[in-house]
Amino acid sequence: AERDVQVRLDPASRLATPVADEVPIVTVL
């Protein structure tokens, strides 16, 4: 937002299941 860009989460997104290691997801995303 500071760079005047809007980041949206797709309304159909769902990730309710807890994961053992979020590091790969965080790094990739």
mmCIF file of all heavy atoms, coordinates in Angstrom:
data_MODEL
# 
_entry.id   MODEL 
# 
loop_
_atom_site.group_PDB 
_atom_site.id 
_atom_site.type_symbol 
_atom_site.label_atom_id 
_atom_site.label_alt_id 
_atom_site.label_comp_id 
_atom_site.label_asym_id 
_atom_site.label_entity_id 
_atom_site.label_seq_id 
_atom_site.pdbx_PDB_ins_code 
_atom_site.Cartn_x 
_atom_site.Cartn_y 
_atom_site.Cartn_z 
_atom_site.occupancy 
_atom_site.B_iso_or_equiv 
_atom_site.pdbx_formal_charge 
_atom_site.auth_seq_id 
_atom_site.auth_comp_id 
_atom_site.auth_asym_id 
_atom_site.auth_atom_id 
_atom_site.pdbx_PDB_model_num 
ATOM 1   N N   . ALA A 1 1  ? 0.825   -1.208  0.000  1.00 0.00 ? 1  ALA A N   1 
ATOM 2   C CA  . ALA A 1 1  ? 0.000   0.000   0.000  1.00 0.00 ? 1  ALA A CA  1 
ATOM 3   C C   . ALA A 1 1  ? 0.856   1.254   0.000  1.00 0.00 ? 1  ALA A C   1 
ATOM 4   O O   . ALA A 1 1  ? 0.488   2.274   -0.606 1.00 0.00 ? 1  ALA A O   1 
ATOM 5   C CB  . ALA A 1 1  ? -0.932  -0.027  1.220  1.00 0.00 ? 1  ALA A CB  1 
ATOM 6   N N   . GLU A 1 2  ? 1.993   1.210   0.662  1.00 0.00 ? 2  GLU A N   1 
ATOM 7   C CA  . GLU A 1 2  ? 2.899   2.356   0.655  1.00 0.00 ? 2  GLU A CA  1 
ATOM 8   C C   . GLU A 1 2  ? 3.409   2.660   -0.744 1.00 0.00 ? 2  GLU A C   1 
ATOM 9   O O   . GLU A 1 2  ? 3.701   3.811   -1.073 1.00 0.00 ? 2  GLU A O   1 
ATOM 10  C CB  . GLU A 1 2  ? 4.065   2.076   1.617  1.00 0.00 ? 2  GLU A CB  1 
ATOM 11  C CG  . GLU A 1 2  ? 5.155   3.135   1.627  1.00 0.00 ? 2  GLU A CG  1 
ATOM 12  C CD  . GLU A 1 2  ? 4.640   4.483   2.110  1.00 0.00 ? 2  GLU A CD  1 
ATOM 13  O OE1 . GLU A 1 2  ? 3.571   4.538   2.753  1.00 0.00 ? 2  GLU A OE1 1 
ATOM 14  O OE2 . GLU A 1 2  ? 5.316   5.505   1.853  1.00 0.00 ? 2  GLU A OE2 1 
ATOM 15  N N   . ARG A 1 3  ? 3.500   1.628   -1.571 1.00 0.00 ? 3  ARG A N   1 
ATOM 16  C CA  . ARG A 1 3  ? 3.947   1.820   -2.962 1.00 0.00 ? 3  ARG A CA  1 
ATOM 17  C C   . ARG A 1 3  ? 2.760   1.953   -3.919 1.00 0.00 ? 3  ARG A C   1 
ATOM 18  O O   . ARG A 1 3  ? 2.908   1.818   -5.112 1.00 0.00 ? 3  ARG A O   1 
ATOM 19  C CB  . ARG A 1 3  ? 4.825   0.627   -3.374 1.00 0.00 ? 3  ARG A CB  1 
ATOM 20  C CG  . ARG A 1 3  ? 6.060   0.462   -2.499 1.00 0.00 ? 3  ARG A CG  1 
ATOM 21  C CD  . ARG A 1 3  ? 6.928   -0.687  -2.949 1.00 0.00 ? 3  ARG A CD  1 
ATOM 22  N NE  . ARG A 1 3  ? 7.500   -0.423  -4.264 1.00 0.00 ? 3  ARG A NE  1 
ATOM 23  C CZ  . ARG A 1 3  ? 8.281   -1.287  -4.920 1.00 0.00 ? 3  ARG A CZ  1 
ATOM 24  N NH1 . ARG A 1 3  ? 8.538   -2.472  -4.367 1.00 0.00 ? 3  ARG A NH1 1 
ATOM 25  N NH2 . ARG A 1 3  ? 8.750   -0.986  -6.101 1.00 0.00 ? 3  ARG A NH2 1 
ATOM 26  N N   . ASP A 1 4  ? 1.592   2.190   -3.347 1.00 0.00 ? 4  ASP A N   1 
ATOM 27  C CA  . ASP A 1 4  ? 0.374   2.407   -4.129 1.00 0.00 ? 4  ASP A CA  1 
ATOM 28  C C   . ASP A 1 4  ? -0.029  1.161   -4.901 1.00 0.00 ? 4  ASP A C   1 
ATOM 29  O O   . ASP A 1 4  ? -0.514  1.247   -6.032 1.00 0.00 ? 4  ASP A O   1 
ATOM 30  C CB  . ASP A 1 4  ? 0.566   3.593   -5.090 1.00 0.00 ? 4  ASP A CB  1 
ATOM 31  C CG  . ASP A 1 4  ? -0.768  4.246   -5.425 1.00 0.00 ? 4  ASP A CG  1 
ATOM 32  O OD1 . ASP A 1 4  ? -1.769  3.883   -4.783 1.00 0.00 ? 4  ASP A OD1 1 
ATOM 33  O OD2 . ASP A 1 4  ? -0.796  5.094   -6.329 1.00 0.00 ? 4  ASP A OD2 1 
ATOM 34  N N   . VAL A 1 5  ? 0.210   -0.022  -4.328 1.00 0.00 ? 5  VAL A N   1 
ATOM 35  C CA  . VAL A 1 5  ? -0.184  -1.302  -4.924 1.00 0.00 ? 5  VAL A CA  1 
ATOM 36  C C   . VAL A 1 5  ? -1.092  -2.011  -3.931 1.00 0.00 ? 5  VAL A C   1 
ATOM 37  O O   . VAL A 1 5  ? -0.809  -2.050  -2.728 1.00 0.00 ? 5  VAL A O   1 
ATOM 38  C CB  . VAL A 1 5  ? 1.045   -2.174  -5.253 1.00 0.00 ? 5  VAL A CB  1 
ATOM 39  C CG1 . VAL A 1 5  ? 0.593   -3.525  -5.802 1.00 0.00 ? 5  VAL A CG1 1 
ATOM 40  C CG2 . VAL A 1 5  ? 1.961   -1.475  -6.238 1.00 0.00 ? 5  VAL A CG2 1 
ATOM 41  N N   . GLN A 1 6  ? -2.154  -2.573  -4.436 1.00 0.00 ? 6  GLN A N   1 
ATOM 42  C CA  . GLN A 1 6  ? -3.111  -3.265  -3.578 1.00 0.00 ? 6  GLN A CA  1 
ATOM 43  C C   . GLN A 1 6  ? -2.873  -4.773  -3.656 1.00 0.00 ? 6  GLN A C   1 
ATOM 44  O O   . GLN A 1 6  ? -2.809  -5.355  -4.731 1.00 0.00 ? 6  GLN A O   1 
ATOM 45  C CB  . GLN A 1 6  ? -4.549  -2.946  -4.009 1.00 0.00 ? 6  GLN A CB  1 
ATOM 46  C CG  . GLN A 1 6  ? -5.595  -3.570  -3.107 1.00 0.00 ? 6  GLN A CG  1 
ATOM 47  C CD  . GLN A 1 6  ? -7.006  -3.207  -3.535 1.00 0.00 ? 6  GLN A CD  1 
ATOM 48  O OE1 . GLN A 1 6  ? -7.207  -2.667  -4.611 1.00 0.00 ? 6  GLN A OE1 1 
ATOM 49  N NE2 . GLN A 1 6  ? -7.973  -3.504  -2.688 1.00 0.00 ? 6  GLN A NE2 1 
ATOM 50  N N   . VAL A 1 7  ? -2.696  -5.395  -2.488 1.00 0.00 ? 7  VAL A N   1 
ATOM 51  C CA  . VAL A 1 7  ? -2.555  -6.848  -2.380 1.00 0.00 ? 7  VAL A CA  1 
ATOM 52  C C   . VAL A 1 7  ? -3.877  -7.408  -1.885 1.00 0.00 ? 7  VAL A C   1 
ATOM 53  O O   . VAL A 1 7  ? -4.356  -7.029  -0.799 1.00 0.00 ? 7  VAL A O   1 
ATOM 54  C CB  . VAL A 1 7  ? -1.408  -7.240  -1.435 1.00 0.00 ? 7  VAL A CB  1 
ATOM 55  C CG1 . VAL A 1 7  ? -1.347  -8.758  -1.280 1.00 0.00 ? 7  VAL A CG1 1 
ATOM 56  C CG2 . VAL A 1 7  ? -0.081  -6.718  -1.962 1.00 0.00 ? 7  VAL A CG2 1 
ATOM 57  N N   . ARG A 1 8  ? -4.477  -8.294  -2.650 1.00 0.00 ? 8  ARG A N   1 
ATOM 58  C CA  . ARG A 1 8  ? -5.774  -8.881  -2.315 1.00 0.00 ? 8  ARG A CA  1 
ATOM 59  C C   . ARG A 1 8  ? -5.636  -10.387 -2.122 1.00 0.00 ? 8  ARG A C   1 
ATOM 60  O O   . ARG A 1 8  ? -4.866  -11.032 -2.813 1.00 0.00 ? 8  ARG A O   1 
ATOM 61  C CB  . ARG A 1 8  ? -6.793  -8.628  -3.415 1.00 0.00 ? 8  ARG A CB  1 
ATOM 62  C CG  . ARG A 1 8  ? -7.099  -7.165  -3.666 1.00 0.00 ? 8  ARG A CG  1 
ATOM 63  C CD  . ARG A 1 8  ? -8.036  -7.038  -4.853 1.00 0.00 ? 8  ARG A CD  1 
ATOM 64  N NE  . ARG A 1 8  ? -8.352  -5.643  -5.156 1.00 0.00 ? 8  ARG A NE  1 
ATOM 65  C CZ  . ARG A 1 8  ? -9.026  -5.259  -6.236 1.00 0.00 ? 8  ARG A CZ  1 
ATOM 66  N NH1 . ARG A 1 8  ? -9.442  -6.182  -7.116 1.00 0.00 ? 8  ARG A NH1 1 
ATOM 67  N NH2 . ARG A 1 8  ? -9.271  -3.980  -6.449 1.00 0.00 ? 8  ARG A NH2 1 
ATOM 68  N N   . LEU A 1 9  ? -6.418  -10.893 -1.205 1.00 0.00 ? 9  LEU A N   1 
ATOM 69  C CA  . LEU A 1 9  ? -6.518  -12.335 -1.023 1.00 0.00 ? 9  LEU A CA  1 
ATOM 70  C C   . LEU A 1 9  ? -7.773  -12.795 -1.737 1.00 0.00 ? 9  LEU A C   1 
ATOM 71  O O   . LEU A 1 9  ? -8.875  -12.292 -1.489 1.00 0.00 ? 9  LEU A O   1 
ATOM 72  C CB  . LEU A 1 9  ? -6.592  -12.689 0.464  1.00 0.00 ? 9  LEU A CB  1 
ATOM 73  C CG  . LEU A 1 9  ? -6.689  -14.181 0.792  1.00 0.00 ? 9  LEU A CG  1 
ATOM 74  C CD1 . LEU A 1 9  ? -5.446  -14.918 0.325  1.00 0.00 ? 9  LEU A CD1 1 
ATOM 75  C CD2 . LEU A 1 9  ? -6.904  -14.381 2.298  1.00 0.00 ? 9  LEU A CD2 1 
ATOM 76  N N   . ASP A 1 10 ? -7.612  -13.734 -2.634 1.00 0.00 ? 10 ASP A N   1 
ATOM 77  C CA  . ASP A 1 10 ? -8.750  -14.239 -3.401 1.00 0.00 ? 10 ASP A CA  1 
ATOM 78  C C   . ASP A 1 10 ? -9.843  -14.732 -2.439 1.00 0.00 ? 10 ASP A C   1 
ATOM 79  O O   . ASP A 1 10 ? -9.559  -15.477 -1.491 1.00 0.00 ? 10 ASP A O   1 
ATOM 80  C CB  . ASP A 1 10 ? -8.272  -15.383 -4.301 1.00 0.00 ? 10 ASP A CB  1 
ATOM 81  C CG  . ASP A 1 10 ? -9.334  -15.795 -5.312 1.00 0.00 ? 10 ASP A CG  1 
ATOM 82  O OD1 . ASP A 1 10 ? -10.425 -16.197 -4.885 1.00 0.00 ? 10 ASP A OD1 1 
ATOM 83  O OD2 . ASP A 1 10 ? -9.040  -15.703 -6.520 1.00 0.00 ? 10 ASP A OD2 1 
ATOM 84  N N   . PRO A 1 11 ? -11.091 -14.308 -2.678 1.00 0.00 ? 11 PRO A N   1 
ATOM 85  C CA  . PRO A 1 11 ? -12.177 -14.719 -1.766 1.00 0.00 ? 11 PRO A CA  1 
ATOM 86  C C   . PRO A 1 11 ? -12.329 -16.224 -1.643 1.00 0.00 ? 11 PRO A C   1 
ATOM 87  O O   . PRO A 1 11 ? -12.828 -16.710 -0.631 1.00 0.00 ? 11 PRO A O   1 
ATOM 88  C CB  . PRO A 1 11 ? -13.417 -14.076 -2.414 1.00 0.00 ? 11 PRO A CB  1 
ATOM 89  C CG  . PRO A 1 11 ? -12.887 -12.937 -3.220 1.00 0.00 ? 11 PRO A CG  1 
ATOM 90  C CD  . PRO A 1 11 ? -11.542 -13.372 -3.716 1.00 0.00 ? 11 PRO A CD  1 
ATOM 91  N N   . ALA A 1 12 ? -11.912 -16.959 -2.651 1.00 0.00 ? 12 ALA A N   1 
ATOM 92  C CA  . ALA A 1 12 ? -12.061 -18.421 -2.603 1.00 0.00 ? 12 ALA A CA  1 
ATOM 93  C C   . ALA A 1 12 ? -10.919 -19.096 -1.852 1.00 0.00 ? 12 ALA A C   1 
ATOM 94  O O   . ALA A 1 12 ? -10.900 -20.327 -1.735 1.00 0.00 ? 12 ALA A O   1 
ATOM 95  C CB  . ALA A 1 12 ? -12.139 -18.980 -4.026 1.00 0.00 ? 12 ALA A CB  1 
ATOM 96  N N   . SER A 1 13 ? -9.978  -18.314 -1.347 1.00 0.00 ? 13 SER A N   1 
ATOM 97  C CA  . SER A 1 13 ? -8.801  -18.896 -0.671 1.00 0.00 ? 13 SER A CA  1 
ATOM 98  C C   . SER A 1 13 ? -9.203  -19.484 0.667  1.00 0.00 ? 13 SER A C   1 
ATOM 99  O O   . SER A 1 13 ? -9.944  -18.864 1.444  1.00 0.00 ? 13 SER A O   1 
ATOM 100 C CB  . SER A 1 13 ? -7.732  -17.826 -0.471 1.00 0.00 ? 13 SER A CB  1 
ATOM 101 O OG  . SER A 1 13 ? -7.245  -17.373 -1.705 1.00 0.00 ? 13 SER A OG  1 
ATOM 102 N N   . ARG A 1 14 ? -8.699  -20.701 0.942  1.00 0.00 ? 14 ARG A N   1 
ATOM 103 C CA  . ARG A 1 14 ? -8.922  -21.370 2.217  1.00 0.00 ? 14 ARG A CA  1 
ATOM 104 C C   . ARG A 1 14 ? -7.663  -22.186 2.567  1.00 0.00 ? 14 ARG A C   1 
ATOM 105 O O   . ARG A 1 14 ? -7.196  -22.980 1.762  1.00 0.00 ? 14 ARG A O   1 
ATOM 106 C CB  . ARG A 1 14 ? -10.126 -22.316 2.166  1.00 0.00 ? 14 ARG A CB  1 
ATOM 107 C CG  . ARG A 1 14 ? -11.476 -21.637 2.046  1.00 0.00 ? 14 ARG A CG  1 
ATOM 108 C CD  . ARG A 1 14 ? -11.848 -20.884 3.321  1.00 0.00 ? 14 ARG A CD  1 
ATOM 109 N NE  . ARG A 1 14 ? -13.186 -20.323 3.223  1.00 0.00 ? 14 ARG A NE  1 
ATOM 110 C CZ  . ARG A 1 14 ? -13.482 -19.158 2.658  1.00 0.00 ? 14 ARG A CZ  1 
ATOM 111 N NH1 . ARG A 1 14 ? -12.502 -18.443 2.081  1.00 0.00 ? 14 ARG A NH1 1 
ATOM 112 N NH2 . ARG A 1 14 ? -14.726 -18.713 2.627  1.00 0.00 ? 14 ARG A NH2 1 
ATOM 113 N N   . LEU A 1 15 ? -7.140  -21.974 3.770  1.00 0.00 ? 15 LEU A N   1 
ATOM 114 C CA  . LEU A 1 15 ? -6.001  -22.762 4.244  1.00 0.00 ? 15 LEU A CA  1 
ATOM 115 C C   . LEU A 1 15 ? -6.153  -22.905 5.754  1.00 0.00 ? 15 LEU A C   1 
ATOM 116 O O   . LEU A 1 15 ? -5.402  -22.348 6.544  1.00 0.00 ? 15 LEU A O   1 
ATOM 117 C CB  . LEU A 1 15 ? -4.667  -22.091 3.898  1.00 0.00 ? 15 LEU A CB  1 
ATOM 118 C CG  . LEU A 1 15 ? -3.403  -22.927 4.149  1.00 0.00 ? 15 LEU A CG  1 
ATOM 119 C CD1 . LEU A 1 15 ? -3.428  -24.198 3.318  1.00 0.00 ? 15 LEU A CD1 1 
ATOM 120 C CD2 . LEU A 1 15 ? -2.159  -22.118 3.850  1.00 0.00 ? 15 LEU A CD2 1 
ATOM 121 N N   . ALA A 1 16 ? -7.178  -23.644 6.102  1.00 0.00 ? 16 ALA A N   1 
ATOM 122 C CA  . ALA A 1 16 ? -7.507  -23.780 7.518  1.00 0.00 ? 16 ALA A CA  1 
ATOM 123 C C   . ALA A 1 16 ? -6.690  -24.849 8.212  1.00 0.00 ? 16 ALA A C   1 
ATOM 124 O O   . ALA A 1 16 ? -6.560  -24.846 9.433  1.00 0.00 ? 16 ALA A O   1 
ATOM 125 C CB  . ALA A 1 16 ? -9.003  -24.089 7.668  1.00 0.00 ? 16 ALA A CB  1 
ATOM 126 N N   . THR A 1 17 ? -6.134  -25.803 7.468  1.00 0.00 ? 17 THR A N   1 
ATOM 127 C CA  . THR A 1 17 ? -5.401  -26.920 8.075  1.00 0.00 ? 17 THR A CA  1 
ATOM 128 C C   . THR A 1 17 ? -4.046  -26.449 8.581  1.00 0.00 ? 17 THR A C   1 
ATOM 129 O O   . THR A 1 17 ? -3.256  -25.881 7.823  1.00 0.00 ? 17 THR A O   1 
ATOM 130 C CB  . THR A 1 17 ? -5.194  -28.043 7.054  1.00 0.00 ? 17 THR A CB  1 
ATOM 131 O OG1 . THR A 1 17 ? -6.467  -28.433 6.540  1.00 0.00 ? 17 THR A OG1 1 
ATOM 132 C CG2 . THR A 1 17 ? -4.508  -29.231 7.701  1.00 0.00 ? 17 THR A CG2 1 
ATOM 133 N N   . PRO A 1 18 ? -3.714  -26.649 9.856  1.00 0.00 ? 18 PRO A N   1 
ATOM 134 C CA  . PRO A 1 18 ? -2.396  -26.253 10.360 1.00 0.00 ? 18 PRO A CA  1 
ATOM 135 C C   . PRO A 1 18 ? -1.285  -27.067 9.678  1.00 0.00 ? 18 PRO A C   1 
ATOM 136 O O   . PRO A 1 18 ? -1.453  -28.258 9.417  1.00 0.00 ? 18 PRO A O   1 
ATOM 137 C CB  . PRO A 1 18 ? -2.465  -26.571 11.856 1.00 0.00 ? 18 PRO A CB  1 
ATOM 138 C CG  . PRO A 1 18 ? -3.923  -26.703 12.160 1.00 0.00 ? 18 PRO A CG  1 
ATOM 139 C CD  . PRO A 1 18 ? -4.562  -27.218 10.918 1.00 0.00 ? 18 PRO A CD  1 
ATOM 140 N N   . VAL A 1 19 ? -0.190  -26.418 9.403  1.00 0.00 ? 19 VAL A N   1 
ATOM 141 C CA  . VAL A 1 19 ? 0.947   -27.090 8.756  1.00 0.00 ? 19 VAL A CA  1 
ATOM 142 C C   . VAL A 1 19 ? 2.107   -27.161 9.732  1.00 0.00 ? 19 VAL A C   1 
ATOM 143 O O   . VAL A 1 19 ? 2.241   -26.322 10.631 1.00 0.00 ? 19 VAL A O   1 
ATOM 144 C CB  . VAL A 1 19 ? 1.370   -26.356 7.464  1.00 0.00 ? 19 VAL A CB  1 
ATOM 145 C CG1 . VAL A 1 19 ? 0.283   -26.452 6.422  1.00 0.00 ? 19 VAL A CG1 1 
ATOM 146 C CG2 . VAL A 1 19 ? 1.711   -24.909 7.749  1.00 0.00 ? 19 VAL A CG2 1 
ATOM 147 N N   . ALA A 1 20 ? 2.949   -28.200 9.553  1.00 0.00 ? 20 ALA A N   1 
ATOM 148 C CA  . ALA A 1 20 ? 4.063   -28.409 10.478 1.00 0.00 ? 20 ALA A CA  1 
ATOM 149 C C   . ALA A 1 20 ? 5.189   -27.413 10.252 1.00 0.00 ? 20 ALA A C   1 
ATOM 150 O O   . ALA A 1 20 ? 5.890   -27.034 11.178 1.00 0.00 ? 20 ALA A O   1 
ATOM 151 C CB  . ALA A 1 20 ? 4.593   -29.840 10.328 1.00 0.00 ? 20 ALA A CB  1 
ATOM 152 N N   . ASP A 1 21 ? 5.378   -26.981 9.018  1.00 0.00 ? 21 ASP A N   1 
ATOM 153 C CA  . ASP A 1 21 ? 6.504   -26.094 8.710  1.00 0.00 ? 21 ASP A CA  1 
ATOM 154 C C   . ASP A 1 21 ? 6.012   -25.018 7.743  1.00 0.00 ? 21 ASP A C   1 
ATOM 155 O O   . ASP A 1 21 ? 5.736   -25.294 6.570  1.00 0.00 ? 21 ASP A O   1 
ATOM 156 C CB  . ASP A 1 21 ? 7.645   -26.906 8.093  1.00 0.00 ? 21 ASP A CB  1 
ATOM 157 C CG  . ASP A 1 21 ? 8.889   -26.059 7.875  1.00 0.00 ? 21 ASP A CG  1 
ATOM 158 O OD1 . ASP A 1 21 ? 8.897   -24.897 8.323  1.00 0.00 ? 21 ASP A OD1 1 
ATOM 159 O OD2 . ASP A 1 21 ? 9.847   -26.568 7.257  1.00 0.00 ? 21 ASP A OD2 1 
ATOM 160 N N   . GLU A 1 22 ? 5.883   -23.788 8.255  1.00 0.00 ? 22 GLU A N   1 
ATOM 161 C CA  . GLU A 1 22 ? 5.428   -22.699 7.404  1.00 0.00 ? 22 GLU A CA  1 
ATOM 162 C C   . GLU A 1 22 ? 6.559   -22.036 6.629  1.00 0.00 ? 22 GLU A C   1 
ATOM 163 O O   . GLU A 1 22 ? 6.320   -21.184 5.780  1.00 0.00 ? 22 GLU A O   1 
ATOM 164 C CB  . GLU A 1 22 ? 4.728   -21.616 8.248  1.00 0.00 ? 22 GLU A CB  1 
ATOM 165 C CG  . GLU A 1 22 ? 3.431   -22.052 8.872  1.00 0.00 ? 22 GLU A CG  1 
ATOM 166 C CD  . GLU A 1 22 ? 3.620   -22.488 10.314 1.00 0.00 ? 22 GLU A CD  1 
ATOM 167 O OE1 . GLU A 1 22 ? 4.779   -22.705 10.692 1.00 0.00 ? 22 GLU A OE1 1 
ATOM 168 O OE2 . GLU A 1 22 ? 2.619   -22.625 11.039 1.00 0.00 ? 22 GLU A OE2 1 
ATOM 169 N N   . VAL A 1 23 ? 7.825   -22.407 6.931  1.00 0.00 ? 23 VAL A N   1 
ATOM 170 C CA  . VAL A 1 23 ? 8.959   -21.717 6.307  1.00 0.00 ? 23 VAL A CA  1 
ATOM 171 C C   . VAL A 1 23 ? 8.922   -21.807 4.785  1.00 0.00 ? 23 VAL A C   1 
ATOM 172 O O   . VAL A 1 23 ? 9.078   -20.792 4.097  1.00 0.00 ? 23 VAL A O   1 
ATOM 173 C CB  . VAL A 1 23 ? 10.293  -22.262 6.855  1.00 0.00 ? 23 VAL A CB  1 
ATOM 174 C CG1 . VAL A 1 23 ? 11.471  -21.670 6.096  1.00 0.00 ? 23 VAL A CG1 1 
ATOM 175 C CG2 . VAL A 1 23 ? 10.416  -21.922 8.337  1.00 0.00 ? 23 VAL A CG2 1 
ATOM 176 N N   . PRO A 1 24 ? 8.707   -23.001 4.179  1.00 0.00 ? 24 PRO A N   1 
ATOM 177 C CA  . PRO A 1 24 ? 8.661   -23.027 2.713  1.00 0.00 ? 24 PRO A CA  1 
ATOM 178 C C   . PRO A 1 24 ? 7.540   -22.157 2.152  1.00 0.00 ? 24 PRO A C   1 
ATOM 179 O O   . PRO A 1 24 ? 7.729   -21.453 1.155  1.00 0.00 ? 24 PRO A O   1 
ATOM 180 C CB  . PRO A 1 24 ? 8.439   -24.505 2.390  1.00 0.00 ? 24 PRO A CB  1 
ATOM 181 C CG  . PRO A 1 24 ? 8.922   -25.246 3.588  1.00 0.00 ? 24 PRO A CG  1 
ATOM 182 C CD  . PRO A 1 24 ? 8.608   -24.363 4.742  1.00 0.00 ? 24 PRO A CD  1 
ATOM 183 N N   . ILE A 1 25 ? 6.369   -22.169 2.818  1.00 0.00 ? 25 ILE A N   1 
ATOM 184 C CA  . ILE A 1 25 ? 5.247   -21.376 2.320  1.00 0.00 ? 25 ILE A CA  1 
ATOM 185 C C   . ILE A 1 25 ? 5.576   -19.895 2.408  1.00 0.00 ? 25 ILE A C   1 
ATOM 186 O O   . ILE A 1 25 ? 5.353   -19.124 1.457  1.00 0.00 ? 25 ILE A O   1 
ATOM 187 C CB  . ILE A 1 25 ? 3.965   -21.694 3.119  1.00 0.00 ? 25 ILE A CB  1 
ATOM 188 C CG1 . ILE A 1 25 ? 3.628   -23.182 3.000  1.00 0.00 ? 25 ILE A CG1 1 
ATOM 189 C CG2 . ILE A 1 25 ? 2.809   -20.840 2.642  1.00 0.00 ? 25 ILE A CG2 1 
ATOM 190 C CD1 . ILE A 1 25 ? 2.443   -23.608 3.845  1.00 0.00 ? 25 ILE A CD1 1 
ATOM 191 N N   . VAL A 1 26 ? 6.111   -19.473 3.551  1.00 0.00 ? 26 VAL A N   1 
ATOM 192 C CA  . VAL A 1 26 ? 6.435   -18.064 3.748  1.00 0.00 ? 26 VAL A CA  1 
ATOM 193 C C   . VAL A 1 26 ? 7.500   -17.610 2.757  1.00 0.00 ? 26 VAL A C   1 
ATOM 194 O O   . VAL A 1 26 ? 7.416   -16.530 2.160  1.00 0.00 ? 26 VAL A O   1 
ATOM 195 C CB  . VAL A 1 26 ? 6.893   -17.820 5.202  1.00 0.00 ? 26 VAL A CB  1 
ATOM 196 C CG1 . VAL A 1 26 ? 7.459   -16.416 5.356  1.00 0.00 ? 26 VAL A CG1 1 
ATOM 197 C CG2 . VAL A 1 26 ? 5.745   -18.048 6.158  1.00 0.00 ? 26 VAL A CG2 1 
ATOM 198 N N   . THR A 1 27 ? 8.539   -18.448 2.561  1.00 0.00 ? 27 THR A N   1 
ATOM 199 C CA  . THR A 1 27 ? 9.622   -18.076 1.639  1.00 0.00 ? 27 THR A CA  1 
ATOM 200 C C   . THR A 1 27 ? 9.113   -17.952 0.215  1.00 0.00 ? 27 THR A C   1 
ATOM 201 O O   . THR A 1 27 ? 9.381   -16.964 -0.475 1.00 0.00 ? 27 THR A O   1 
ATOM 202 C CB  . THR A 1 27 ? 10.750  -19.120 1.705  1.00 0.00 ? 27 THR A CB  1 
ATOM 203 O OG1 . THR A 1 27 ? 11.224  -19.223 3.044  1.00 0.00 ? 27 THR A OG1 1 
ATOM 204 C CG2 . THR A 1 27 ? 11.894  -18.729 0.791  1.00 0.00 ? 27 THR A CG2 1 
ATOM 205 N N   . VAL A 1 28 ? 8.370   -18.959 -0.223 1.00 0.00 ? 28 VAL A N   1 
ATOM 206 C CA  . VAL A 1 28 ? 7.874   -18.950 -1.605 1.00 0.00 ? 28 VAL A CA  1 
ATOM 207 C C   . VAL A 1 28 ? 6.881   -17.809 -1.809 1.00 0.00 ? 28 VAL A C   1 
ATOM 208 O O   . VAL A 1 28 ? 6.998   -17.008 -2.748 1.00 0.00 ? 28 VAL A O   1 
ATOM 209 C CB  . VAL A 1 28 ? 7.234   -20.311 -1.948 1.00 0.00 ? 28 VAL A CB  1 
ATOM 210 C CG1 . VAL A 1 28 ? 6.541   -20.239 -3.297 1.00 0.00 ? 28 VAL A CG1 1 
ATOM 211 C CG2 . VAL A 1 28 ? 8.277   -21.408 -1.926 1.00 0.00 ? 28 VAL A CG2 1 
ATOM 212 N N   . LEU A 1 29 ? 5.899   -17.701 -0.904 1.00 0.00 ? 29 LEU A N   1 
ATOM 213 C CA  . LEU A 1 29 ? 4.857   -16.690 -1.063 1.00 0.00 ? 29 LEU A CA  1 
ATOM 214 C C   . LEU A 1 29 ? 5.436   -15.276 -0.940 1.00 0.00 ? 29 LEU A C   1 
ATOM 215 O O   . LEU A 1 29 ? 5.059   -14.370 -1.695 1.00 0.00 ? 29 LEU A O   1 
ATOM 216 C CB  . LEU A 1 29 ? 3.783   -16.917 -0.010 1.00 0.00 ? 29 LEU A CB  1 
ATOM 217 C CG  . LEU A 1 29 ? 2.418   -16.265 -0.264 1.00 0.00 ? 29 LEU A CG  1 
ATOM 218 C CD1 . LEU A 1 29 ? 1.847   -16.727 -1.596 1.00 0.00 ? 29 LEU A CD1 1 
ATOM 219 C CD2 . LEU A 1 29 ? 1.457   -16.589 0.877  1.00 0.00 ? 29 LEU A CD2 1 
# 
